[in-house]
Amino acid sequence: MYDTTVRQRVSRLLDSGQTISSVSRQTGVSRSTIRQWRDQPDRVPSRVASCPRCLDVPESPEPADAYAYLLGLYLGDGCISVVGDPGKRVWSLRIMCADAWPGLQEECAQALAALRPGNKVRRLPRQGCTEINSFSKHWPHLFPQHGPGKKHNRSIILESWQRQIVQANPGSLVRGLFHSDGCRLSNRVRRELHSGTRRYEYPRYLFVNKSRDILELCGETLDLLGVAWRRSKPDTISVARREAVERLDEFVGPKH
């Protein structure tokens, strides 16, 4: 199946006066398909096959909340890699999800399917986890943070259209970030007092990532939600105040 952007390019080349054979050589689309598009222009392909970032006037991907969640997962435990022949420019978005949390795996699969409904979502068993992936030519367009090497060794800066999505859906991004590189746990404290030993515990969130840019993004998004946080270590964000934990529970909660 050819997506909408390919068909639009073919149409522009035909309108410029080029022959079907010439357009076929430039685009890789068969001459019979080009002829059908020329003779039946009203047969418009489904929009789900198109890439919103490749349109003549780029648009933001939808649904926005699923995109923000998937962005968080990608920045934590995801990668984009080429599939098969590099010349075909097909990419796989891979998210590694621990087998201890099947609910997280399901939510990840649903987000992939919602964002690219025309593409199959696969689940591949790995050691101690499951790789959830989907193939598309457009993943690098949708996640322009893709690049060679590890994320903490390169700049991770959101595009303006991504920031608009995050500002409108901060809870979804934070959920994705904490579902990948975060946790909710009970912090146990022991204190020696004059009256004796006092033990108590309280819930807290931790987000751990080696990328300074991703840590800053997490902190900025927590600020949008009104969640108080601090750096407990250079690579760790801690949310420990009771009201902050309660607020973050509205968007994240324990993994399941």
C-alpha atoms as a PDB file:
ATOM      1  CA  MET A   1       0.000   0.000   0.000  1.00  0.00           C
ATOM      2  CA  TYR A   2       1.314   3.451  -0.931  1.00  0.00           C
ATOM      3  CA  ASP A   3       0.614   6.206   1.535  1.00  0.00           C
ATOM      4  CA  THR A   4      -0.975   9.565   0.769  1.00  0.00           C
ATOM      5  CA  THR A   5       2.319  11.447   0.561  1.00  0.00           C
ATOM      6  CA  VAL A   6       3.542   9.217  -2.287  1.00  0.00           C
ATOM      7  CA  ARG A   7       0.304   9.709  -4.196  1.00  0.00           C
ATOM      8  CA  GLN A   8       0.541  13.474  -3.730  1.00  0.00           C
ATOM      9  CA  ARG A   9       4.072  13.489  -5.146  1.00  0.00           C
ATOM     10  CA  VAL A  10       2.977  11.422  -8.164  1.00  0.00           C
ATOM     11  CA  SER A  11       0.129  13.854  -8.781  1.00  0.00           C
ATOM     12  CA  ARG A  12       2.464  16.854  -8.696  1.00  0.00           C
ATOM     13  CA  LEU A  13       4.875  15.225 -11.154  1.00  0.00           C
ATOM     14  CA  LEU A  14       2.047  14.358 -13.558  1.00  0.00           C
ATOM     15  CA  ASP A  15       0.687  17.896 -13.311  1.00  0.00           C
ATOM     16  CA  SER A  16       4.131  19.199 -14.275  1.00  0.00           C
ATOM     17  CA  GLY A  17       3.795  17.416 -17.625  1.00  0.00           C
ATOM     18  CA  GLN A  18       6.012  14.390 -17.035  1.00  0.00           C
ATOM     19  CA  THR A  19       5.144  11.025 -18.562  1.00  0.00           C
ATOM     20  CA  ILE A  20       3.921   8.028 -16.567  1.00  0.00           C
ATOM     21  CA  SER A  21       7.177   6.193 -17.264  1.00  0.00           C
ATOM     22  CA  SER A  22       9.253   9.130 -16.004  1.00  0.00           C
ATOM     23  CA  VAL A  23       7.196   9.446 -12.826  1.00  0.00           C
ATOM     24  CA  SER A  24       7.463   5.692 -12.244  1.00  0.00           C
ATOM     25  CA  ARG A  25      11.253   5.818 -12.448  1.00  0.00           C
ATOM     26  CA  GLN A  26      11.437   8.718  -9.993  1.00  0.00           C
ATOM     27  CA  THR A  27       9.002   7.367  -7.395  1.00  0.00           C
ATOM     28  CA  GLY A  28       9.256   3.596  -7.710  1.00  0.00           C
ATOM     29  CA  VAL A  29       5.486   3.332  -8.184  1.00  0.00           C
ATOM     30  CA  SER A  30       4.388   0.973 -10.944  1.00  0.00           C
ATOM     31  CA  ARG A  31       3.098   2.476 -14.170  1.00  0.00           C
ATOM     32  CA  SER A  32      -0.240   0.674 -13.834  1.00  0.00           C
ATOM     33  CA  THR A  33      -0.792   2.206 -10.387  1.00  0.00           C
ATOM     34  CA  ILE A  34       0.130   5.681 -11.623  1.00  0.00           C
ATOM     35  CA  ARG A  35      -2.218   5.272 -14.574  1.00  0.00           C
ATOM     36  CA  GLN A  36      -5.034   4.243 -12.210  1.00  0.00           C
ATOM     37  CA  TRP A  37      -4.395   7.261  -9.968  1.00  0.00           C
ATOM     38  CA  ARG A  38      -4.416   9.550 -13.022  1.00  0.00           C
ATOM     39  CA  ASP A  39      -7.611   8.101 -14.501  1.00  0.00           C
ATOM     40  CA  GLN A  40      -9.466   7.691 -11.173  1.00  0.00           C
ATOM     41  CA  PRO A  41      -8.466  10.747  -9.105  1.00  0.00           C
ATOM     42  CA  ASP A  42     -11.561  10.483  -6.883  1.00  0.00           C
ATOM     43  CA  ARG A  43     -10.360   7.207  -5.384  1.00  0.00           C
ATOM     44  CA  VAL A  44      -8.557   8.727  -2.414  1.00  0.00           C
ATOM     45  CA  PRO A  45      -6.602   6.309  -0.212  1.00  0.00           C
ATOM     46  CA  SER A  46      -7.371   6.040   3.476  1.00  0.00           C
ATOM     47  CA  ARG A  47      -5.874   8.790   5.601  1.00  0.00           C
ATOM     48  CA  VAL A  48      -4.648   6.251   8.156  1.00  0.00           C
ATOM     49  CA  ALA A  49      -1.884   5.260   5.731  1.00  0.00           C
ATOM     50  CA  SER A  50      -0.516   8.817   5.553  1.00  0.00           C
ATOM     51  CA  CYS A  51       1.992  10.549   7.784  1.00  0.00           C
ATOM     52  CA  PRO A  52       0.766  13.835   9.286  1.00  0.00           C
ATOM     53  CA  ARG A  53       4.331  15.206   9.316  1.00  0.00           C
ATOM     54  CA  CYS A  54       4.774  14.533   5.578  1.00  0.00           C
ATOM     55  CA  LEU A  55       1.736  16.444   4.362  1.00  0.00           C
ATOM     56  CA  ASP A  56       2.212  19.620   2.342  1.00  0.00           C
ATOM     57  CA  VAL A  57       1.109  21.431   5.496  1.00  0.00           C
ATOM     58  CA  PRO A  58       2.458  19.237   8.344  1.00  0.00           C
ATOM     59  CA  GLU A  59       0.045  18.381  11.126  1.00  0.00           C
ATOM     60  CA  SER A  60       0.474  16.949  14.599  1.00  0.00           C
ATOM     61  CA  PRO A  61      -0.044  13.204  15.029  1.00  0.00           C
ATOM     62  CA  GLU A  62      -3.290  12.035  16.565  1.00  0.00           C
ATOM     63  CA  PRO A  63      -4.541  10.991  19.022  1.00  0.00           C
ATOM     64  CA  ALA A  64      -2.336  13.436  20.917  1.00  0.00           C
ATOM     65  CA  ASP A  65      -2.568  11.680  24.289  1.00  0.00           C
ATOM     66  CA  ALA A  66      -1.424   8.371  22.768  1.00  0.00           C
ATOM     67  CA  TYR A  67       1.446  10.186  21.044  1.00  0.00           C
ATOM     68  CA  ALA A  68       2.577  11.857  24.280  1.00  0.00           C
ATOM     69  CA  TYR A  69       2.469   8.528  26.132  1.00  0.00           C
ATOM     70  CA  LEU A  70       4.399   6.758  23.384  1.00  0.00           C
ATOM     71  CA  LEU A  71       6.952   9.595  23.306  1.00  0.00           C
ATOM     72  CA  GLY A  72       7.615   8.967  27.002  1.00  0.00           C
ATOM     73  CA  LEU A  73       8.052   5.240  26.430  1.00  0.00           C
ATOM     74  CA  TYR A  74      10.348   5.853  23.461  1.00  0.00           C
ATOM     75  CA  LEU A  75      12.581   8.273  25.367  1.00  0.00           C
ATOM     76  CA  GLY A  76      12.952   5.689  28.118  1.00  0.00           C
ATOM     77  CA  ASP A  77      12.957   2.149  26.745  1.00  0.00           C
ATOM     78  CA  GLY A  78      12.484   2.636  23.010  1.00  0.00           C
ATOM     79  CA  CYS A  79      14.538   2.800  19.849  1.00  0.00           C
ATOM     80  CA  ILE A  80      14.004   3.161  16.121  1.00  0.00           C
ATOM     81  CA  SER A  81      15.986   0.880  13.811  1.00  0.00           C
ATOM     82  CA  VAL A  82      15.948   0.000  10.134  1.00  0.00           C
ATOM     83  CA  VAL A  83      14.150  -3.172   9.014  1.00  0.00           C
ATOM     84  CA  GLY A  84      15.534  -5.351   6.222  1.00  0.00           C
ATOM     85  CA  ASP A  85      16.896  -3.614   3.129  1.00  0.00           C
ATOM     86  CA  PRO A  86      17.965  -0.069   4.125  1.00  0.00           C
ATOM     87  CA  GLY A  87      17.036   1.108   0.644  1.00  0.00           C
ATOM     88  CA  LYS A  88      13.357   0.494   1.376  1.00  0.00           C
ATOM     89  CA  ARG A  89      13.537   2.891   4.350  1.00  0.00           C
ATOM     90  CA  VAL A  90      11.233   0.877   6.586  1.00  0.00           C
ATOM     91  CA  TRP A  91      11.743   1.436  10.305  1.00  0.00           C
ATOM     92  CA  SER A  92      10.723  -0.398  13.440  1.00  0.00           C
ATOM     93  CA  LEU A  93       9.755   1.452  16.601  1.00  0.00           C
ATOM     94  CA  ARG A  94      10.691  -0.967  19.384  1.00  0.00           C
ATOM     95  CA  ILE A  95       9.630  -0.596  23.009  1.00  0.00           C
ATOM     96  CA  MET A  96      11.025  -3.012  25.592  1.00  0.00           C
ATOM     97  CA  CYS A  97       8.473  -3.790  28.316  1.00  0.00           C
ATOM     98  CA  ALA A  98       9.179  -5.905  31.388  1.00  0.00           C
ATOM     99  CA  ASP A  99       7.113  -9.094  31.628  1.00  0.00           C
ATOM    100  CA  ALA A 100       6.303  -8.228  35.248  1.00  0.00           C
ATOM    101  CA  TRP A 101       3.818  -5.606  34.016  1.00  0.00           C
ATOM    102  CA  PRO A 102       1.455  -7.053  31.371  1.00  0.00           C
ATOM    103  CA  GLY A 103      -0.862  -4.058  31.736  1.00  0.00           C
ATOM    104  CA  LEU A 104       1.941  -1.752  30.646  1.00  0.00           C
ATOM    105  CA  GLN A 105       2.606  -3.959  27.626  1.00  0.00           C
ATOM    106  CA  GLU A 106      -1.041  -3.767  26.629  1.00  0.00           C
ATOM    107  CA  GLU A 107      -1.135   0.018  27.013  1.00  0.00           C
ATOM    108  CA  CYS A 108       1.998   0.319  24.881  1.00  0.00           C
ATOM    109  CA  ALA A 109       0.481  -1.865  22.144  1.00  0.00           C
ATOM    110  CA  GLN A 110      -2.721   0.164  22.182  1.00  0.00           C
ATOM    111  CA  ALA A 111      -0.788   3.424  21.810  1.00  0.00           C
ATOM    112  CA  LEU A 112       1.146   2.053  18.824  1.00  0.00           C
ATOM    113  CA  ALA A 113      -2.060   0.865  17.177  1.00  0.00           C
ATOM    114  CA  ALA A 114      -3.810   4.174  17.813  1.00  0.00           C
ATOM    115  CA  LEU A 115      -0.984   6.214  16.322  1.00  0.00           C
ATOM    116  CA  ARG A 116      -0.487   4.053  13.211  1.00  0.00           C
ATOM    117  CA  PRO A 117      -3.779   2.137  12.808  1.00  0.00           C
ATOM    118  CA  GLY A 118      -2.759   0.760   9.425  1.00  0.00           C
ATOM    119  CA  ASN A 119       0.362  -0.964  10.775  1.00  0.00           C
ATOM    120  CA  LYS A 120       0.609  -4.282  12.581  1.00  0.00           C
ATOM    121  CA  VAL A 121       1.744  -4.343  16.225  1.00  0.00           C
ATOM    122  CA  ARG A 122       3.992  -7.272  17.146  1.00  0.00           C
ATOM    123  CA  ARG A 123       5.019  -8.771  20.493  1.00  0.00           C
ATOM    124  CA  LEU A 124       8.328 -10.610  20.517  1.00  0.00           C
ATOM    125  CA  PRO A 125       9.539 -12.445  23.653  1.00  0.00           C
ATOM    126  CA  ARG A 126      13.002 -11.431  24.840  1.00  0.00           C
ATOM    127  CA  GLN A 127      14.990 -12.405  27.908  1.00  0.00           C
ATOM    128  CA  GLY A 128      13.036 -11.031  30.860  1.00  0.00           C
ATOM    129  CA  CYS A 129      10.932  -8.711  28.728  1.00  0.00           C
ATOM    130  CA  THR A 130       8.793  -8.396  25.618  1.00  0.00           C
ATOM    131  CA  GLU A 131       9.640  -6.272  22.602  1.00  0.00           C
ATOM    132  CA  ILE A 132       6.562  -4.493  21.279  1.00  0.00           C
ATOM    133  CA  ASN A 133       7.115  -3.049  17.828  1.00  0.00           C
ATOM    134  CA  SER A 134       5.490  -1.691  14.719  1.00  0.00           C
ATOM    135  CA  PHE A 135       6.947  -1.112  11.235  1.00  0.00           C
ATOM    136  CA  SER A 136       6.537   2.142   9.313  1.00  0.00           C
ATOM    137  CA  LYS A 137       8.474   4.384   6.951  1.00  0.00           C
ATOM    138  CA  HIS A 138       7.474   7.349   9.071  1.00  0.00           C
ATOM    139  CA  TRP A 139       8.714   6.669  12.612  1.00  0.00           C
ATOM    140  CA  PRO A 140      11.731   9.002  12.211  1.00  0.00           C
ATOM    141  CA  HIS A 141       9.307  11.735  11.099  1.00  0.00           C
ATOM    142  CA  LEU A 142       7.072  11.185  14.124  1.00  0.00           C
ATOM    143  CA  PHE A 143       9.986  10.863  16.561  1.00  0.00           C
ATOM    144  CA  PRO A 144      12.728  13.170  15.237  1.00  0.00           C
ATOM    145  CA  GLN A 145      14.819  12.493  18.365  1.00  0.00           C
ATOM    146  CA  HIS A 146      15.939   9.328  16.575  1.00  0.00           C
ATOM    147  CA  GLY A 147      19.648   9.231  15.820  1.00  0.00           C
ATOM    148  CA  PRO A 148      22.814   7.132  16.054  1.00  0.00           C
ATOM    149  CA  GLY A 149      24.172   6.118  19.443  1.00  0.00           C
ATOM    150  CA  LYS A 150      22.669   6.160  22.913  1.00  0.00           C
ATOM    151  CA  LYS A 151      20.211   8.886  23.856  1.00  0.00           C
ATOM    152  CA  HIS A 152      22.291  10.190  26.758  1.00  0.00           C
ATOM    153  CA  ASN A 153      25.213  10.773  24.376  1.00  0.00           C
ATOM    154  CA  ARG A 154      23.260  13.040  22.030  1.00  0.00           C
ATOM    155  CA  SER A 155      20.961  16.022  22.273  1.00  0.00           C
ATOM    156  CA  ILE A 156      17.284  15.250  22.955  1.00  0.00           C
ATOM    157  CA  ILE A 157      15.292  18.394  22.196  1.00  0.00           C
ATOM    158  CA  LEU A 158      11.589  18.426  21.329  1.00  0.00           C
ATOM    159  CA  GLU A 159      10.331  20.100  18.169  1.00  0.00           C
ATOM    160  CA  SER A 160       7.869  22.968  18.605  1.00  0.00           C
ATOM    161  CA  TRP A 161       4.930  20.800  17.520  1.00  0.00           C
ATOM    162  CA  GLN A 162       5.943  18.148  20.060  1.00  0.00           C
ATOM    163  CA  ARG A 163       6.065  20.734  22.826  1.00  0.00           C
ATOM    164  CA  GLN A 164       2.541  21.816  21.949  1.00  0.00           C
ATOM    165  CA  ILE A 165       1.377  18.219  22.352  1.00  0.00           C
ATOM    166  CA  VAL A 166       3.201  17.868  25.679  1.00  0.00           C
ATOM    167  CA  GLN A 167       1.798  21.138  27.024  1.00  0.00           C
ATOM    168  CA  ALA A 168      -1.705  19.914  26.192  1.00  0.00           C
ATOM    169  CA  ASN A 169      -1.083  16.358  27.479  1.00  0.00           C
ATOM    170  CA  PRO A 170       1.560  16.541  30.247  1.00  0.00           C
ATOM    171  CA  GLY A 171       0.022  13.684  32.212  1.00  0.00           C
ATOM    172  CA  SER A 172       0.335  11.295  29.275  1.00  0.00           C
ATOM    173  CA  LEU A 173       4.014  12.117  28.743  1.00  0.00           C
ATOM    174  CA  VAL A 174       4.813  11.730  32.445  1.00  0.00           C
ATOM    175  CA  ARG A 175       2.966   8.414  32.487  1.00  0.00           C
ATOM    176  CA  GLY A 176       5.095   7.170  29.591  1.00  0.00           C
ATOM    177  CA  LEU A 177       8.328   8.395  31.177  1.00  0.00           C
ATOM    178  CA  PHE A 178       7.615   6.773  34.541  1.00  0.00           C
ATOM    179  CA  HIS A 179       6.339   3.596  32.899  1.00  0.00           C
ATOM    180  CA  SER A 180       9.708   3.280  31.181  1.00  0.00           C
ATOM    181  CA  ASP A 181      12.400   4.598  33.524  1.00  0.00           C
ATOM    182  CA  GLY A 182      10.438   5.280  36.693  1.00  0.00           C
ATOM    183  CA  CYS A 183       8.836   3.503  39.605  1.00  0.00           C
ATOM    184  CA  ARG A 184       6.531   4.032  42.567  1.00  0.00           C
ATOM    185  CA  LEU A 185       7.855   2.459  45.740  1.00  0.00           C
ATOM    186  CA  SER A 186       7.647   2.572  49.528  1.00  0.00           C
ATOM    187  CA  ASN A 187      10.519   4.405  51.163  1.00  0.00           C
ATOM    188  CA  ARG A 188      11.327   2.862  54.547  1.00  0.00           C
ATOM    189  CA  VAL A 189      12.998   5.057  57.164  1.00  0.00           C
ATOM    190  CA  ARG A 190      14.563   4.151  60.500  1.00  0.00           C
ATOM    191  CA  ARG A 191      15.447   6.838  63.010  1.00  0.00           C
ATOM    192  CA  GLU A 192      17.045   6.531  66.383  1.00  0.00           C
ATOM    193  CA  LEU A 193      15.385   8.895  68.879  1.00  0.00           C
ATOM    194  CA  HIS A 194      15.797   9.435  72.611  1.00  0.00           C
ATOM    195  CA  SER A 195      12.500   7.633  73.060  1.00  0.00           C
ATOM    196  CA  GLY A 196      13.690   4.668  70.975  1.00  0.00           C
ATOM    197  CA  THR A 197      13.773   3.527  67.370  1.00  0.00           C
ATOM    198  CA  ARG A 198      11.125   4.913  65.080  1.00  0.00           C
ATOM    199  CA  ARG A 199      10.284   3.218  61.803  1.00  0.00           C
ATOM    200  CA  TYR A 200       7.944   4.546  59.184  1.00  0.00           C
ATOM    201  CA  GLU A 201       7.417   4.388  55.433  1.00  0.00           C
ATOM    202  CA  TYR A 202       5.883   6.557  52.759  1.00  0.00           C
ATOM    203  CA  PRO A 203       5.314   6.263  48.994  1.00  0.00           C
ATOM    204  CA  ARG A 204       7.564   8.051  46.560  1.00  0.00           C
ATOM    205  CA  TYR A 205       8.312   8.144  42.846  1.00  0.00           C
ATOM    206  CA  LEU A 206      11.749   7.877  41.283  1.00  0.00           C
ATOM    207  CA  PHE A 207      12.687   8.592  37.675  1.00  0.00           C
ATOM    208  CA  VAL A 208      16.195   7.567  36.619  1.00  0.00           C
ATOM    209  CA  ASN A 209      17.798   8.469  33.301  1.00  0.00           C
ATOM    210  CA  LYS A 210      21.355   9.255  32.196  1.00  0.00           C
ATOM    211  CA  SER A 211      20.243  11.891  29.685  1.00  0.00           C
ATOM    212  CA  ARG A 212      20.330  15.423  31.083  1.00  0.00           C
ATOM    213  CA  ASP A 213      17.876  16.550  28.399  1.00  0.00           C
ATOM    214  CA  ILE A 214      15.342  13.823  29.238  1.00  0.00           C
ATOM    215  CA  LEU A 215      15.658  14.569  32.966  1.00  0.00           C
ATOM    216  CA  GLU A 216      15.011  18.256  32.275  1.00  0.00           C
ATOM    217  CA  LEU A 217      12.008  17.369  30.118  1.00  0.00           C
ATOM    218  CA  CYS A 218      10.602  15.211  32.908  1.00  0.00           C
ATOM    219  CA  GLY A 219      11.084  18.005  35.435  1.00  0.00           C
ATOM    220  CA  GLU A 220       9.489  20.600  33.154  1.00  0.00           C
ATOM    221  CA  THR A 221       6.474  18.358  32.593  1.00  0.00           C
ATOM    222  CA  LEU A 222       6.078  17.706  36.320  1.00  0.00           C
ATOM    223  CA  ASP A 223       6.057  21.480  36.754  1.00  0.00           C
ATOM    224  CA  LEU A 224       3.173  21.710  34.273  1.00  0.00           C
ATOM    225  CA  LEU A 225       1.239  19.278  36.474  1.00  0.00           C
ATOM    226  CA  GLY A 226       2.084  21.152  39.664  1.00  0.00           C
ATOM    227  CA  VAL A 227       4.077  18.208  41.050  1.00  0.00           C
ATOM    228  CA  ALA A 228       6.933  19.135  43.393  1.00  0.00           C
ATOM    229  CA  TRP A 229      10.164  17.265  42.670  1.00  0.00           C
ATOM    230  CA  ARG A 230      13.889  17.379  43.321  1.00  0.00           C
ATOM    231  CA  ARG A 231      17.114  15.796  42.099  1.00  0.00           C
ATOM    232  CA  SER A 232      18.047  13.208  44.714  1.00  0.00           C
ATOM    233  CA  LYS A 233      21.014  12.160  42.545  1.00  0.00           C
ATOM    234  CA  PRO A 234      22.495  13.599  39.335  1.00  0.00           C
ATOM    235  CA  ASP A 235      20.552  11.051  37.266  1.00  0.00           C
ATOM    236  CA  THR A 236      17.456  10.749  39.489  1.00  0.00           C
ATOM    237  CA  ILE A 237      14.287  12.768  39.981  1.00  0.00           C
ATOM    238  CA  SER A 238      12.452  12.144  43.250  1.00  0.00           C
ATOM    239  CA  VAL A 239       8.819  12.944  44.045  1.00  0.00           C
ATOM    240  CA  ALA A 240       8.293  12.390  47.762  1.00  0.00           C
ATOM    241  CA  ARG A 241       6.018  15.057  49.250  1.00  0.00           C
ATOM    242  CA  ARG A 242       2.652  13.590  50.133  1.00  0.00           C
ATOM    243  CA  GLU A 243       0.605  16.052  48.078  1.00  0.00           C
ATOM    244  CA  ALA A 244       2.995  15.655  45.121  1.00  0.00           C
ATOM    245  CA  VAL A 245       2.728  11.849  45.234  1.00  0.00           C
ATOM    246  CA  GLU A 246      -1.049  12.086  45.416  1.00  0.00           C
ATOM    247  CA  ARG A 247      -1.071  14.403  42.416  1.00  0.00           C
ATOM    248  CA  LEU A 248       1.209  12.122  40.388  1.00  0.00           C
ATOM    249  CA  ASP A 249      -0.970   9.133  41.305  1.00  0.00           C
ATOM    250  CA  GLU A 250      -3.698  10.743  39.207  1.00  0.00           C
ATOM    251  CA  PHE A 251      -1.591  10.179  36.071  1.00  0.00           C
ATOM    252  CA  VAL A 252       0.796   7.312  36.811  1.00  0.00           C
ATOM    253  CA  GLY A 253       0.236   5.099  39.843  1.00  0.00           C
ATOM    254  CA  PRO A 254       1.928   1.713  40.360  1.00  0.00           C
ATOM    255  CA  LYS A 255       2.908  -0.261  37.275  1.00  0.00           C
ATOM    256  CA  HIS A 256       0.675  -3.234  36.590  1.00  0.00           C
END
